[in-house]
Amino acid sequence: ISRNGVFLSHIWEVPNFADQEGDDQSSNIFLDNAYNILREDEDGLNALTQPEEILGPENGPEAFIITPNANERDRMR
């Protein structure tokens, strides 16, 4: 969120963080399916954080990350 706009994204738990059985996925799956897309996609978060864009540094952007079922220990990781 910034003075000029909002970027909202949802990253699905399955398959990005866990498989169908609930077992943790490898870091590579998360990187390939979620993080790198947000970072490198021409319409993604990276593009919007460039100067003169809605989340550019001159607009004072701030991030809010909402996770389900997180406890204090999970947030410290």
PDB file of N, CA and C in Angstrom:
ATOM      1  N   ILE A   1       0.855  -1.167   0.000  1.00  0.00           N
ATOM      2  CA  ILE A   1       0.000   0.000   0.000  1.00  0.00           C
ATOM      3  C   ILE A   1       0.904   1.234   0.000  1.00  0.00           C
ATOM      4  N   SER A   2       0.471   2.272  -0.692  1.00  0.00           N
ATOM      5  CA  SER A   2       1.219   3.521  -0.700  1.00  0.00           C
ATOM      6  C   SER A   2       0.225   4.678  -0.779  1.00  0.00           C
ATOM      7  N   ARG A   3       0.745   5.871  -0.864  1.00  0.00           N
ATOM      8  CA  ARG A   3      -0.125   7.040  -1.014  1.00  0.00           C
ATOM      9  C   ARG A   3      -0.882   7.006  -2.345  1.00  0.00           C
ATOM     10  N   ASN A   4      -0.356   6.262  -3.333  1.00  0.00           N
ATOM     11  CA  ASN A   4      -0.963   6.270  -4.670  1.00  0.00           C
ATOM     12  C   ASN A   4      -1.680   4.988  -5.068  1.00  0.00           C
ATOM     13  N   GLY A   5      -1.570   3.925  -4.298  1.00  0.00           N
ATOM     14  CA  GLY A   5      -2.242   2.707  -4.726  1.00  0.00           C
ATOM     15  C   GLY A   5      -1.997   1.523  -3.830  1.00  0.00           C
ATOM     16  N   VAL A   6      -2.565   0.403  -4.263  1.00  0.00           N
ATOM     17  CA  VAL A   6      -2.497  -0.841  -3.503  1.00  0.00           C
ATOM     18  C   VAL A   6      -2.159  -1.978  -4.457  1.00  0.00           C
ATOM     19  N   PHE A   7      -1.340  -2.903  -3.985  1.00  0.00           N
ATOM     20  CA  PHE A   7      -1.094  -4.160  -4.695  1.00  0.00           C
ATOM     21  C   PHE A   7      -1.531  -5.272  -3.762  1.00  0.00           C
ATOM     22  N   LEU A   8      -2.383  -6.146  -4.252  1.00  0.00           N
ATOM     23  CA  LEU A   8      -2.881  -7.249  -3.449  1.00  0.00           C
ATOM     24  C   LEU A   8      -2.608  -8.539  -4.192  1.00  0.00           C
ATOM     25  N   SER A   9      -2.094  -9.509  -3.463  1.00  0.00           N
ATOM     26  CA  SER A   9      -1.800 -10.797  -4.064  1.00  0.00           C
ATOM     27  C   SER A   9      -2.132 -11.900  -3.082  1.00  0.00           C
ATOM     28  N   HIS A  10      -2.498 -13.028  -3.624  1.00  0.00           N
ATOM     29  CA  HIS A  10      -2.776 -14.213  -2.802  1.00  0.00           C
ATOM     30  C   HIS A  10      -1.887 -15.333  -3.322  1.00  0.00           C
ATOM     31  N   ILE A  11      -1.152 -15.953  -2.442  1.00  0.00           N
ATOM     32  CA  ILE A  11      -0.309 -17.091  -2.804  1.00  0.00           C
ATOM     33  C   ILE A  11      -0.938 -18.317  -2.160  1.00  0.00           C
ATOM     34  N   TRP A  12      -1.403 -19.254  -2.980  1.00  0.00           N
ATOM     35  CA  TRP A  12      -2.079 -20.449  -2.492  1.00  0.00           C
ATOM     36  C   TRP A  12      -1.134 -21.326  -1.693  1.00  0.00           C
ATOM     37  N   GLU A  13      -1.638 -21.863  -0.590  1.00  0.00           N
ATOM     38  CA  GLU A  13      -0.817 -22.753   0.235  1.00  0.00           C
ATOM     39  C   GLU A  13      -0.437 -24.014  -0.544  1.00  0.00           C
ATOM     40  N   VAL A  14      -1.426 -24.626  -1.214  1.00  0.00           N
ATOM     41  CA  VAL A  14      -1.163 -25.787  -2.069  1.00  0.00           C
ATOM     42  C   VAL A  14      -1.217 -25.286  -3.499  1.00  0.00           C
ATOM     43  N   PRO A  15      -0.197 -25.395  -4.252  1.00  0.00           N
ATOM     44  CA  PRO A  15       1.000 -26.207  -4.143  1.00  0.00           C
ATOM     45  C   PRO A  15       2.252 -25.447  -3.718  1.00  0.00           C
ATOM     46  N   ASN A  16       2.148 -24.180  -3.378  1.00  0.00           N
ATOM     47  CA  ASN A  16       3.355 -23.371  -3.166  1.00  0.00           C
ATOM     48  C   ASN A  16       4.071 -23.621  -1.850  1.00  0.00           C
ATOM     49  N   PHE A  17       3.330 -23.844  -0.775  1.00  0.00           N
ATOM     50  CA  PHE A  17       3.948 -24.083   0.527  1.00  0.00           C
ATOM     51  C   PHE A  17       3.862 -25.548   0.960  1.00  0.00           C
ATOM     52  N   ALA A  18       2.799 -26.219   0.527  1.00  0.00           N
ATOM     53  CA  ALA A  18       2.580 -27.615   0.919  1.00  0.00           C
ATOM     54  C   ALA A  18       1.993 -28.382  -0.255  1.00  0.00           C
ATOM     55  N   ASP A  19       2.180 -29.696  -0.219  1.00  0.00           N
ATOM     56  CA  ASP A  19       1.567 -30.524  -1.257  1.00  0.00           C
ATOM     57  C   ASP A  19       0.159 -30.932  -0.813  1.00  0.00           C
ATOM     58  N   GLN A  20      -0.518 -31.743  -1.609  1.00  0.00           N
ATOM     59  CA  GLN A  20      -1.898 -32.143  -1.316  1.00  0.00           C
ATOM     60  C   GLN A  20      -2.044 -32.866   0.017  1.00  0.00           C
ATOM     61  N   GLU A  21      -0.971 -33.515   0.467  1.00  0.00           N
ATOM     62  CA  GLU A  21      -1.008 -34.237   1.746  1.00  0.00           C
ATOM     63  C   GLU A  21      -0.665 -33.337   2.927  1.00  0.00           C
ATOM     64  N   GLY A  22      -0.314 -32.092   2.669  1.00  0.00           N
ATOM     65  CA  GLY A  22       0.034 -31.161   3.733  1.00  0.00           C
ATOM     66  C   GLY A  22       1.504 -31.130   4.091  1.00  0.00           C
ATOM     67  N   ASP A  23       2.323 -31.875   3.354  1.00  0.00           N
ATOM     68  CA  ASP A  23       3.765 -31.862   3.607  1.00  0.00           C
ATOM     69  C   ASP A  23       4.389 -30.625   2.986  1.00  0.00           C
ATOM     70  N   ASP A  24       5.380 -30.082   3.672  1.00  0.00           N
ATOM     71  CA  ASP A  24       6.061 -28.891   3.173  1.00  0.00           C
ATOM     72  C   ASP A  24       6.655 -29.135   1.792  1.00  0.00           C
ATOM     73  N   GLN A  25       6.560 -28.129   0.935  1.00  0.00           N
ATOM     74  CA  GLN A  25       7.182 -28.178  -0.382  1.00  0.00           C
ATOM     75  C   GLN A  25       8.626 -27.729  -0.268  1.00  0.00           C
ATOM     76  N   SER A  26       9.407 -28.039  -1.279  1.00  0.00           N
ATOM     77  CA  SER A  26      10.785 -27.561  -1.305  1.00  0.00           C
ATOM     78  C   SER A  26      10.796 -26.061  -1.566  1.00  0.00           C
ATOM     79  N   SER A  27      11.860 -25.415  -1.178  1.00  0.00           N
ATOM     80  CA  SER A  27      12.005 -23.976  -1.406  1.00  0.00           C
ATOM     81  C   SER A  27      11.945 -23.648  -2.881  1.00  0.00           C
ATOM     82  N   ASN A  28      12.443 -24.541  -3.726  1.00  0.00           N
ATOM     83  CA  ASN A  28      12.450 -24.276  -5.169  1.00  0.00           C
ATOM     84  C   ASN A  28      11.039 -24.158  -5.729  1.00  0.00           C
ATOM     85  N   ILE A  29      10.114 -24.942  -5.236  1.00  0.00           N
ATOM     86  CA  ILE A  29       8.734 -24.848  -5.718  1.00  0.00           C
ATOM     87  C   ILE A  29       8.152 -23.497  -5.350  1.00  0.00           C
ATOM     88  N   PHE A  30       8.352 -23.057  -4.114  1.00  0.00           N
ATOM     89  CA  PHE A  30       7.875 -21.735  -3.720  1.00  0.00           C
ATOM     90  C   PHE A  30       8.534 -20.643  -4.555  1.00  0.00           C
ATOM     91  N   LEU A  31       9.839 -20.735  -4.737  1.00  0.00           N
ATOM     92  CA  LEU A  31      10.544 -19.721  -5.518  1.00  0.00           C
ATOM     93  C   LEU A  31      10.022 -19.668  -6.952  1.00  0.00           C
ATOM     94  N   ASP A  32       9.856 -20.824  -7.570  1.00  0.00           N
ATOM     95  CA  ASP A  32       9.409 -20.866  -8.966  1.00  0.00           C
ATOM     96  C   ASP A  32       7.960 -20.452  -9.147  1.00  0.00           C
ATOM     97  N   ASN A  33       7.075 -20.874  -8.260  1.00  0.00           N
ATOM     98  CA  ASN A  33       5.641 -20.664  -8.448  1.00  0.00           C
ATOM     99  C   ASN A  33       5.091 -19.390  -7.823  1.00  0.00           C
ATOM    100  N   ALA A  34       5.810 -18.789  -6.912  1.00  0.00           N
ATOM    101  CA  ALA A  34       5.263 -17.630  -6.211  1.00  0.00           C
ATOM    102  C   ALA A  34       6.239 -16.453  -6.196  1.00  0.00           C
ATOM    103  N   TYR A  35       7.324 -16.599  -5.505  1.00  0.00           N
ATOM    104  CA  TYR A  35       8.247 -15.483  -5.296  1.00  0.00           C
ATOM    105  C   TYR A  35       8.776 -14.906  -6.604  1.00  0.00           C
ATOM    106  N   ASN A  36       9.303 -15.754  -7.462  1.00  0.00           N
ATOM    107  CA  ASN A  36       9.890 -15.242  -8.708  1.00  0.00           C
ATOM    108  C   ASN A  36       8.859 -14.602  -9.618  1.00  0.00           C
ATOM    109  N   ILE A  37       7.632 -15.105  -9.594  1.00  0.00           N
ATOM    110  CA  ILE A  37       6.578 -14.493 -10.403  1.00  0.00           C
ATOM    111  C   ILE A  37       6.267 -13.088  -9.883  1.00  0.00           C
ATOM    112  N   LEU A  38       6.139 -12.942  -8.579  1.00  0.00           N
ATOM    113  CA  LEU A  38       5.899 -11.606  -8.016  1.00  0.00           C
ATOM    114  C   LEU A  38       7.054 -10.658  -8.333  1.00  0.00           C
ATOM    115  N   ARG A  39       8.244 -11.182  -8.243  1.00  0.00           N
ATOM    116  CA  ARG A  39       9.434 -10.354  -8.395  1.00  0.00           C
ATOM    117  C   ARG A  39       9.751 -10.018  -9.842  1.00  0.00           C
ATOM    118  N   GLU A  40       9.565 -10.970 -10.763  1.00  0.00           N
ATOM    119  CA  GLU A  40      10.071 -10.798 -12.113  1.00  0.00           C
ATOM    120  C   GLU A  40       9.008 -10.554 -13.176  1.00  0.00           C
ATOM    121  N   ASP A  41       7.761 -10.840 -12.894  1.00  0.00           N
ATOM    122  CA  ASP A  41       6.714 -10.662 -13.895  1.00  0.00           C
ATOM    123  C   ASP A  41       6.614  -9.194 -14.283  1.00  0.00           C
ATOM    124  N   GLU A  42       6.471  -8.932 -15.563  1.00  0.00           N
ATOM    125  CA  GLU A  42       6.456  -7.536 -16.026  1.00  0.00           C
ATOM    126  C   GLU A  42       5.276  -6.744 -15.484  1.00  0.00           C
ATOM    127  N   ASP A  43       4.213  -7.422 -15.066  1.00  0.00           N
ATOM    128  CA  ASP A  43       3.064  -6.747 -14.470  1.00  0.00           C
ATOM    129  C   ASP A  43       2.995  -6.955 -12.963  1.00  0.00           C
ATOM    130  N   GLY A  44       4.012  -7.556 -12.392  1.00  0.00           N
ATOM    131  CA  GLY A  44       3.993  -7.913 -10.985  1.00  0.00           C
ATOM    132  C   GLY A  44       4.488  -6.818 -10.065  1.00  0.00           C
ATOM    133  N   LEU A  45       4.758  -7.224  -8.859  1.00  0.00           N
ATOM    134  CA  LEU A  45       5.160  -6.304  -7.807  1.00  0.00           C
ATOM    135  C   LEU A  45       6.428  -5.530  -8.157  1.00  0.00           C
ATOM    136  N   ASN A  46       7.391  -6.184  -8.764  1.00  0.00           N
ATOM    137  CA  ASN A  46       8.638  -5.509  -9.112  1.00  0.00           C
ATOM    138  C   ASN A  46       8.388  -4.304 -10.018  1.00  0.00           C
ATOM    139  N   ALA A  47       7.533  -4.461 -11.009  1.00  0.00           N
ATOM    140  CA  ALA A  47       7.242  -3.361 -11.925  1.00  0.00           C
ATOM    141  C   ALA A  47       6.589  -2.189 -11.194  1.00  0.00           C
ATOM    142  N   LEU A  48       5.738  -2.488 -10.218  1.00  0.00           N
ATOM    143  CA  LEU A  48       5.017  -1.428  -9.511  1.00  0.00           C
ATOM    144  C   LEU A  48       5.858  -0.709  -8.473  1.00  0.00           C
ATOM    145  N   THR A  49       7.028  -1.248  -8.131  1.00  0.00           N
ATOM    146  CA  THR A  49       7.878  -0.614  -7.123  1.00  0.00           C
ATOM    147  C   THR A  49       8.964   0.263  -7.737  1.00  0.00           C
ATOM    148  N   GLN A  50       8.946   0.400  -9.049  1.00  0.00           N
ATOM    149  CA  GLN A  50       9.922   1.262  -9.713  1.00  0.00           C
ATOM    150  C   GLN A  50       9.555   2.732  -9.493  1.00  0.00           C
ATOM    151  N   PRO A  51      10.543   3.637  -9.564  1.00  0.00           N
ATOM    152  CA  PRO A  51      10.242   5.065  -9.416  1.00  0.00           C
ATOM    153  C   PRO A  51       9.124   5.500 -10.372  1.00  0.00           C
ATOM    154  N   GLU A  52       8.275   6.364  -9.892  1.00  0.00           N
ATOM    155  CA  GLU A  52       7.134   6.921 -10.622  1.00  0.00           C
ATOM    156  C   GLU A  52       5.956   5.949 -10.756  1.00  0.00           C
ATOM    157  N   GLU A  53       6.065   4.737 -10.222  1.00  0.00           N
ATOM    158  CA  GLU A  53       4.943   3.799 -10.226  1.00  0.00           C
ATOM    159  C   GLU A  53       4.182   3.915  -8.898  1.00  0.00           C
ATOM    160  N   ILE A  54       3.032   3.245  -8.794  1.00  0.00           N
ATOM    161  CA  ILE A  54       2.180   3.450  -7.614  1.00  0.00           C
ATOM    162  C   ILE A  54       2.837   3.040  -6.304  1.00  0.00           C
ATOM    163  N   LEU A  55       3.782   2.095  -6.350  1.00  0.00           N
ATOM    164  CA  LEU A  55       4.482   1.677  -5.139  1.00  0.00           C
ATOM    165  C   LEU A  55       5.944   2.103  -5.157  1.00  0.00           C
ATOM    166  N   GLY A  56       6.254   3.092  -5.980  1.00  0.00           N
ATOM    167  CA  GLY A  56       7.619   3.603  -6.049  1.00  0.00           C
ATOM    168  C   GLY A  56       8.038   4.211  -4.718  1.00  0.00           C
ATOM    169  N   PRO A  57       9.344   4.305  -4.482  1.00  0.00           N
ATOM    170  CA  PRO A  57       9.838   4.780  -3.183  1.00  0.00           C
ATOM    171  C   PRO A  57       9.338   6.170  -2.800  1.00  0.00           C
ATOM    172  N   GLU A  58       9.079   7.003  -3.774  1.00  0.00           N
ATOM    173  CA  GLU A  58       8.597   8.352  -3.476  1.00  0.00           C
ATOM    174  C   GLU A  58       7.179   8.362  -2.916  1.00  0.00           C
ATOM    175  N   ASN A  59       6.475   7.247  -3.005  1.00  0.00           N
ATOM    176  CA  ASN A  59       5.098   7.153  -2.513  1.00  0.00           C
ATOM    177  C   ASN A  59       4.980   6.499  -1.147  1.00  0.00           C
ATOM    178  N   GLY A  60       6.118   6.227  -0.498  1.00  0.00           N
ATOM    179  CA  GLY A  60       6.108   5.693   0.866  1.00  0.00           C
ATOM    180  C   GLY A  60       5.434   4.336   1.002  1.00  0.00           C
ATOM    181  N   PRO A  61       5.799   3.358   0.187  1.00  0.00           N
ATOM    182  CA  PRO A  61       5.107   2.069   0.267  1.00  0.00           C
ATOM    183  C   PRO A  61       5.362   1.334   1.585  1.00  0.00           C
ATOM    184  N   GLU A  62       4.362   0.588   2.027  1.00  0.00           N
ATOM    185  CA  GLU A  62       4.462  -0.269   3.201  1.00  0.00           C
ATOM    186  C   GLU A  62       3.844  -1.608   2.847  1.00  0.00           C
ATOM    187  N   ALA A  63       4.352  -2.675   3.449  1.00  0.00           N
ATOM    188  CA  ALA A  63       3.843  -4.024   3.170  1.00  0.00           C
ATOM    189  C   ALA A  63       3.134  -4.580   4.393  1.00  0.00           C
ATOM    190  N   PHE A  64       2.027  -5.265   4.142  1.00  0.00           N
ATOM    191  CA  PHE A  64       1.282  -5.972   5.168  1.00  0.00           C
ATOM    192  C   PHE A  64       1.185  -7.422   4.704  1.00  0.00           C
ATOM    193  N   ILE A  65       1.731  -8.332   5.469  1.00  0.00           N
ATOM    194  CA  ILE A  65       1.702  -9.743   5.114  1.00  0.00           C
ATOM    195  C   ILE A  65       0.793 -10.457   6.109  1.00  0.00           C
ATOM    196  N   ILE A  66      -0.228 -11.092   5.587  1.00  0.00           N
ATOM    197  CA  ILE A  66      -1.211 -11.768   6.424  1.00  0.00           C
ATOM    198  C   ILE A  66      -1.067 -13.268   6.188  1.00  0.00           C
ATOM    199  N   THR A  67      -0.869 -14.012   7.256  1.00  0.00           N
ATOM    200  CA  THR A  67      -0.721 -15.464   7.152  1.00  0.00           C
ATOM    201  C   THR A  67      -1.724 -16.142   8.073  1.00  0.00           C
ATOM    202  N   PRO A  68      -2.283 -17.257   7.640  1.00  0.00           N
ATOM    203  CA  PRO A  68      -3.219 -17.971   8.511  1.00  0.00           C
ATOM    204  C   PRO A  68      -2.474 -18.808   9.531  1.00  0.00           C
ATOM    205  N   ASN A  69      -3.073 -18.971  10.675  1.00  0.00           N
ATOM    206  CA  ASN A  69      -2.581 -19.897  11.696  1.00  0.00           C
ATOM    207  C   ASN A  69      -1.144 -19.647  12.139  1.00  0.00           C
ATOM    208  N   ALA A  70      -0.658 -18.448  12.064  1.00  0.00           N
ATOM    209  CA  ALA A  70       0.699 -18.167  12.498  1.00  0.00           C
ATOM    210  C   ALA A  70       0.719 -17.913  13.998  1.00  0.00           C
ATOM    211  N   ASN A  71       1.745 -18.439  14.645  1.00  0.00           N
ATOM    212  CA  ASN A  71       1.939 -18.141  16.053  1.00  0.00           C
ATOM    213  C   ASN A  71       3.219 -17.305  16.182  1.00  0.00           C
ATOM    214  N   GLU A  72       3.544 -16.882  17.372  1.00  0.00           N
ATOM    215  CA  GLU A  72       4.710 -16.001  17.581  1.00  0.00           C
ATOM    216  C   GLU A  72       5.996 -16.656  17.061  1.00  0.00           C
ATOM    217  N   ARG A  73       6.188 -17.938  17.312  1.00  0.00           N
ATOM    218  CA  ARG A  73       7.401 -18.625  16.853  1.00  0.00           C
ATOM    219  C   ARG A  73       7.476 -18.637  15.319  1.00  0.00           C
ATOM    220  N   ASP A  74       6.350 -18.879  14.654  1.00  0.00           N
ATOM    221  CA  ASP A  74       6.336 -18.883  13.190  1.00  0.00           C
ATOM    222  C   ASP A  74       6.691 -17.505  12.621  1.00  0.00           C
ATOM    223  N   ARG A  75       6.227 -16.458  13.273  1.00  0.00           N
ATOM    224  CA  ARG A  75       6.521 -15.108  12.778  1.00  0.00           C
ATOM    225  C   ARG A  75       7.974 -14.741  12.941  1.00  0.00           C
ATOM    226  N   MET A  76       8.684 -15.391  13.846  1.00  0.00           N
ATOM    227  CA  MET A  76      10.088 -15.062  14.085  1.00  0.00           C
ATOM    228  C   MET A  76      11.016 -15.778  13.110  1.00  0.00           C
ATOM    229  N   ARG A  77      10.494 -16.704  12.297  1.00  0.00           N
ATOM    230  CA  ARG A  77      11.343 -17.418  11.342  1.00  0.00           C
ATOM    231  C   ARG A  77      11.762 -16.541  10.211  1.00  0.00           C
TER     232      ARG A  77
END
